[in-house]
């Protein structure tokens, strides 16, 4: 089964010390071959992935809190209006 990532959005998060990081949100897609018209289509699998712009994977708790994989430091999403100031 062929899979690929589709970037959904990019946003900023902030750690407890005030440092900000860019996050990319992706959804996993799987290839579906339509034999009738010989075209390839990609459909969502329902799986999502979050990564820092530097490549580190993020874990997401049930309440939506994000952590760099393997760390205990929570990351809070920064509102766009606060970042624009």
N, C-alpha and C. Protein backbone atom coordinates (compact mmCIF):
# COMPACT_ATOMS: atom_id res chain seq x y z
N UNK A 1 0.84 -1.17 0.00
CA UNK A 1 0.00 0.00 0.00
C UNK A 1 0.90 1.24 0.00
N UNK A 2 0.67 2.12 -0.96
CA UNK A 2 1.44 3.36 -1.03
C UNK A 2 0.79 4.41 -0.15
N UNK A 3 1.64 5.15 0.59
CA UNK A 3 1.16 6.21 1.46
C UNK A 3 1.96 7.46 1.19
N UNK A 4 1.36 8.61 1.48
CA UNK A 4 2.08 9.87 1.43
C UNK A 4 1.48 10.82 2.46
N UNK A 5 2.23 11.87 2.78
CA UNK A 5 1.77 12.88 3.71
C UNK A 5 1.25 14.09 2.94
N UNK A 6 0.18 14.68 3.46
CA UNK A 6 -0.38 15.91 2.89
C UNK A 6 -0.40 16.95 4.01
N UNK A 7 0.34 18.06 3.82
CA UNK A 7 0.39 19.09 4.87
C UNK A 7 -0.94 19.82 4.93
N UNK A 8 -1.52 19.85 6.12
CA UNK A 8 -2.81 20.51 6.33
C UNK A 8 -2.66 21.96 6.76
N UNK A 9 -1.72 22.20 7.68
CA UNK A 9 -1.53 23.55 8.18
C UNK A 9 -0.17 23.67 8.84
N UNK A 10 0.22 24.92 9.05
CA UNK A 10 1.44 25.25 9.77
C UNK A 10 1.06 26.28 10.83
N UNK A 11 1.54 26.08 12.05
CA UNK A 11 1.22 27.00 13.14
C UNK A 11 2.39 27.04 14.11
N UNK A 12 2.32 27.93 15.07
CA UNK A 12 3.39 28.10 16.06
C UNK A 12 2.92 27.60 17.42
N UNK A 13 3.89 27.05 18.18
CA UNK A 13 3.66 26.64 19.56
C UNK A 13 4.74 27.29 20.42
N UNK A 14 4.47 27.31 21.72
CA UNK A 14 5.40 27.92 22.66
C UNK A 14 5.62 26.95 23.83
N UNK A 15 6.89 26.85 24.29
CA UNK A 15 7.18 26.01 25.45
C UNK A 15 7.05 26.83 26.74
N UNK A 16 7.31 26.18 27.89
CA UNK A 16 7.18 26.83 29.18
C UNK A 16 8.14 28.00 29.38
N UNK A 17 9.23 28.02 28.62
CA UNK A 17 10.24 29.06 28.75
C UNK A 17 9.99 30.22 27.79
N UNK A 18 8.95 30.14 26.97
CA UNK A 18 8.60 31.21 26.05
C UNK A 18 9.19 31.06 24.65
N UNK A 19 9.98 30.02 24.42
CA UNK A 19 10.54 29.79 23.08
C UNK A 19 9.42 29.33 22.15
N UNK A 20 9.43 29.82 20.91
CA UNK A 20 8.40 29.42 19.95
C UNK A 20 9.00 28.52 18.87
N UNK A 21 8.15 27.65 18.36
CA UNK A 21 8.55 26.68 17.34
C UNK A 21 7.46 26.60 16.28
N UNK A 22 7.86 26.32 15.05
CA UNK A 22 6.91 26.13 13.96
C UNK A 22 6.55 24.64 13.88
N UNK A 23 5.26 24.37 13.73
CA UNK A 23 4.74 23.01 13.65
C UNK A 23 4.02 22.83 12.32
N UNK A 24 4.24 21.67 11.69
CA UNK A 24 3.52 21.29 10.48
C UNK A 24 2.59 20.13 10.85
N UNK A 25 1.32 20.26 10.46
CA UNK A 25 0.34 19.20 10.68
C UNK A 25 0.09 18.49 9.35
N UNK A 26 0.15 17.17 9.37
CA UNK A 26 -0.02 16.36 8.17
C UNK A 26 -1.12 15.33 8.37
N UNK A 27 -1.77 14.95 7.27
CA UNK A 27 -2.63 13.78 7.29
C UNK A 27 -2.01 12.73 6.37
N UNK A 28 -2.20 11.47 6.74
CA UNK A 28 -1.70 10.38 5.92
C UNK A 28 -2.73 10.06 4.84
N UNK A 29 -2.25 9.90 3.62
CA UNK A 29 -3.10 9.51 2.50
C UNK A 29 -2.63 8.17 1.97
N UNK A 30 -3.56 7.40 1.44
CA UNK A 30 -3.22 6.13 0.82
C UNK A 30 -3.70 6.14 -0.62
N UNK A 31 -2.94 5.48 -1.47
CA UNK A 31 -3.27 5.47 -2.90
C UNK A 31 -4.35 4.44 -3.19
N UNK A 32 -5.32 4.88 -3.98
CA UNK A 32 -6.41 4.01 -4.41
C UNK A 32 -6.41 4.04 -5.92
N UNK A 33 -6.18 2.90 -6.53
CA UNK A 33 -6.19 2.82 -7.99
C UNK A 33 -7.60 2.53 -8.47
N UNK A 34 -8.06 3.39 -9.34
CA UNK A 34 -9.38 3.20 -9.94
C UNK A 34 -9.17 2.50 -11.28
N UNK A 35 -9.48 1.23 -11.32
CA UNK A 35 -9.22 0.43 -12.51
C UNK A 35 -10.12 0.82 -13.69
N UNK A 36 -11.24 1.45 -13.43
CA UNK A 36 -12.14 1.80 -14.52
C UNK A 36 -11.58 2.90 -15.41
N UNK A 37 -11.01 3.94 -14.79
CA UNK A 37 -10.49 5.04 -15.61
C UNK A 37 -8.96 5.16 -15.54
N UNK A 38 -8.30 4.20 -14.89
CA UNK A 38 -6.83 4.12 -14.83
C UNK A 38 -6.20 5.36 -14.18
N UNK A 39 -6.93 6.05 -13.31
CA UNK A 39 -6.37 7.20 -12.60
C UNK A 39 -6.09 6.82 -11.16
N UNK A 40 -5.03 7.40 -10.63
CA UNK A 40 -4.69 7.18 -9.23
C UNK A 40 -5.34 8.26 -8.38
N UNK A 41 -5.93 7.84 -7.29
CA UNK A 41 -6.53 8.77 -6.35
C UNK A 41 -5.92 8.54 -4.97
N UNK A 42 -5.86 9.61 -4.18
CA UNK A 42 -5.35 9.53 -2.82
C UNK A 42 -6.47 9.83 -1.85
N UNK A 43 -6.64 8.97 -0.85
CA UNK A 43 -7.71 9.14 0.13
C UNK A 43 -7.13 9.19 1.53
N UNK A 44 -7.73 9.98 2.43
CA UNK A 44 -7.25 10.07 3.82
C UNK A 44 -7.41 8.73 4.55
N UNK A 45 -6.46 8.44 5.43
CA UNK A 45 -6.52 7.23 6.24
C UNK A 45 -7.11 7.49 7.62
N UNK A 46 -7.25 8.77 7.99
CA UNK A 46 -7.72 9.11 9.33
C UNK A 46 -6.58 9.28 10.33
N UNK A 47 -5.35 9.11 9.86
CA UNK A 47 -4.17 9.24 10.72
C UNK A 47 -3.53 10.60 10.48
N UNK A 48 -3.16 11.27 11.59
CA UNK A 48 -2.54 12.59 11.52
C UNK A 48 -1.18 12.56 12.18
N UNK A 49 -0.33 13.48 11.79
CA UNK A 49 1.04 13.54 12.29
C UNK A 49 1.44 15.01 12.45
N UNK A 50 2.16 15.28 13.53
CA UNK A 50 2.65 16.64 13.79
C UNK A 50 4.15 16.60 13.94
N UNK A 51 4.83 17.55 13.28
CA UNK A 51 6.28 17.62 13.35
C UNK A 51 6.71 19.07 13.52
N UNK A 52 7.79 19.27 14.28
CA UNK A 52 8.42 20.58 14.29
C UNK A 52 9.04 20.81 12.93
N UNK A 53 9.23 22.06 12.56
CA UNK A 53 9.86 22.39 11.28
C UNK A 53 11.26 21.81 11.18
N UNK A 54 11.89 21.55 12.33
CA UNK A 54 13.23 20.96 12.36
C UNK A 54 13.20 19.44 12.22
N UNK A 55 12.00 18.84 12.15
CA UNK A 55 11.87 17.42 11.88
C UNK A 55 11.47 16.54 13.05
N UNK A 56 11.55 17.04 14.28
CA UNK A 56 11.18 16.21 15.43
C UNK A 56 9.68 15.95 15.45
N UNK A 57 9.34 14.70 15.75
CA UNK A 57 7.93 14.32 15.84
C UNK A 57 7.34 14.82 17.15
N UNK A 58 6.06 15.16 17.11
CA UNK A 58 5.34 15.58 18.29
C UNK A 58 4.33 14.53 18.68
N UNK A 59 4.18 14.35 19.99
CA UNK A 59 3.13 13.49 20.53
C UNK A 59 1.99 14.40 20.96
N UNK A 60 0.75 13.92 20.82
CA UNK A 60 -0.41 14.72 21.19
C UNK A 60 -1.25 13.93 22.18
N UNK A 61 -1.51 14.54 23.35
CA UNK A 61 -2.37 13.92 24.36
C UNK A 61 -3.83 13.99 23.94
N UNK A 62 -4.67 13.28 24.69
CA UNK A 62 -6.11 13.28 24.42
C UNK A 62 -6.69 14.68 24.50
N UNK A 63 -6.12 15.54 25.36
CA UNK A 63 -6.64 16.90 25.51
C UNK A 63 -6.04 17.88 24.50
N UNK A 64 -5.19 17.37 23.59
CA UNK A 64 -4.60 18.21 22.55
C UNK A 64 -3.25 18.81 22.90
N UNK A 65 -2.76 18.59 24.12
CA UNK A 65 -1.44 19.10 24.50
C UNK A 65 -0.37 18.38 23.70
N UNK A 66 0.58 19.14 23.16
CA UNK A 66 1.66 18.58 22.35
C UNK A 66 2.96 18.53 23.14
N UNK A 67 3.78 17.52 22.86
CA UNK A 67 5.09 17.34 23.46
C UNK A 67 6.05 16.89 22.37
N UNK A 68 7.30 17.33 22.46
CA UNK A 68 8.32 16.74 21.58
C UNK A 68 8.43 15.29 22.01
N UNK A 69 8.45 14.36 21.06
CA UNK A 69 8.48 12.93 21.37
C UNK A 69 9.60 12.63 22.37
N UNK A 70 9.22 11.97 23.47
CA UNK A 70 10.19 11.58 24.49
C UNK A 70 10.46 12.63 25.54
N UNK A 71 9.87 13.81 25.42
CA UNK A 71 10.07 14.84 26.44
C UNK A 71 8.78 15.05 27.22
N UNK A 72 8.89 15.67 28.36
CA UNK A 72 7.70 15.95 29.15
C UNK A 72 7.29 17.41 29.10
N UNK A 73 7.95 18.21 28.26
CA UNK A 73 7.63 19.63 28.22
C UNK A 73 6.45 19.89 27.30
N UNK A 74 5.36 20.44 27.86
CA UNK A 74 4.19 20.74 27.03
C UNK A 74 4.43 21.94 26.12
N UNK A 75 3.79 21.90 24.97
CA UNK A 75 3.83 23.00 24.01
C UNK A 75 2.42 23.52 23.83
N UNK A 76 2.28 24.84 23.94
CA UNK A 76 0.96 25.48 23.79
C UNK A 76 0.87 26.15 22.44
N UNK A 77 -0.24 25.99 21.77
CA UNK A 77 -0.45 26.66 20.49
C UNK A 77 -0.53 28.17 20.71
N UNK A 78 0.15 28.93 19.88
CA UNK A 78 0.15 30.39 19.96
C UNK A 78 -0.94 30.90 19.04
N UNK A 79 -1.80 31.77 19.57
CA UNK A 79 -2.87 32.29 18.72
C UNK A 79 -2.27 33.19 17.65
N UNK A 80 -2.81 33.14 16.43
CA UNK A 80 -2.29 33.95 15.33
C UNK A 80 -2.28 35.45 15.63
N UNK A 81 -3.28 35.93 16.34
CA UNK A 81 -3.36 37.36 16.63
C UNK A 81 -2.25 37.78 17.59
N UNK A 82 -1.89 36.92 18.55
CA UNK A 82 -0.81 37.24 19.49
C UNK A 82 0.53 37.27 18.79
N UNK A 83 0.68 36.41 17.77
CA UNK A 83 1.95 36.33 17.07
C UNK A 83 2.12 37.50 16.10
N UNK A 84 1.03 38.08 15.62
CA UNK A 84 1.10 39.15 14.63
C UNK A 84 1.52 40.48 15.25
N UNK A 85 1.44 40.59 16.57
CA UNK A 85 1.79 41.86 17.21
C UNK A 85 3.25 42.15 17.18
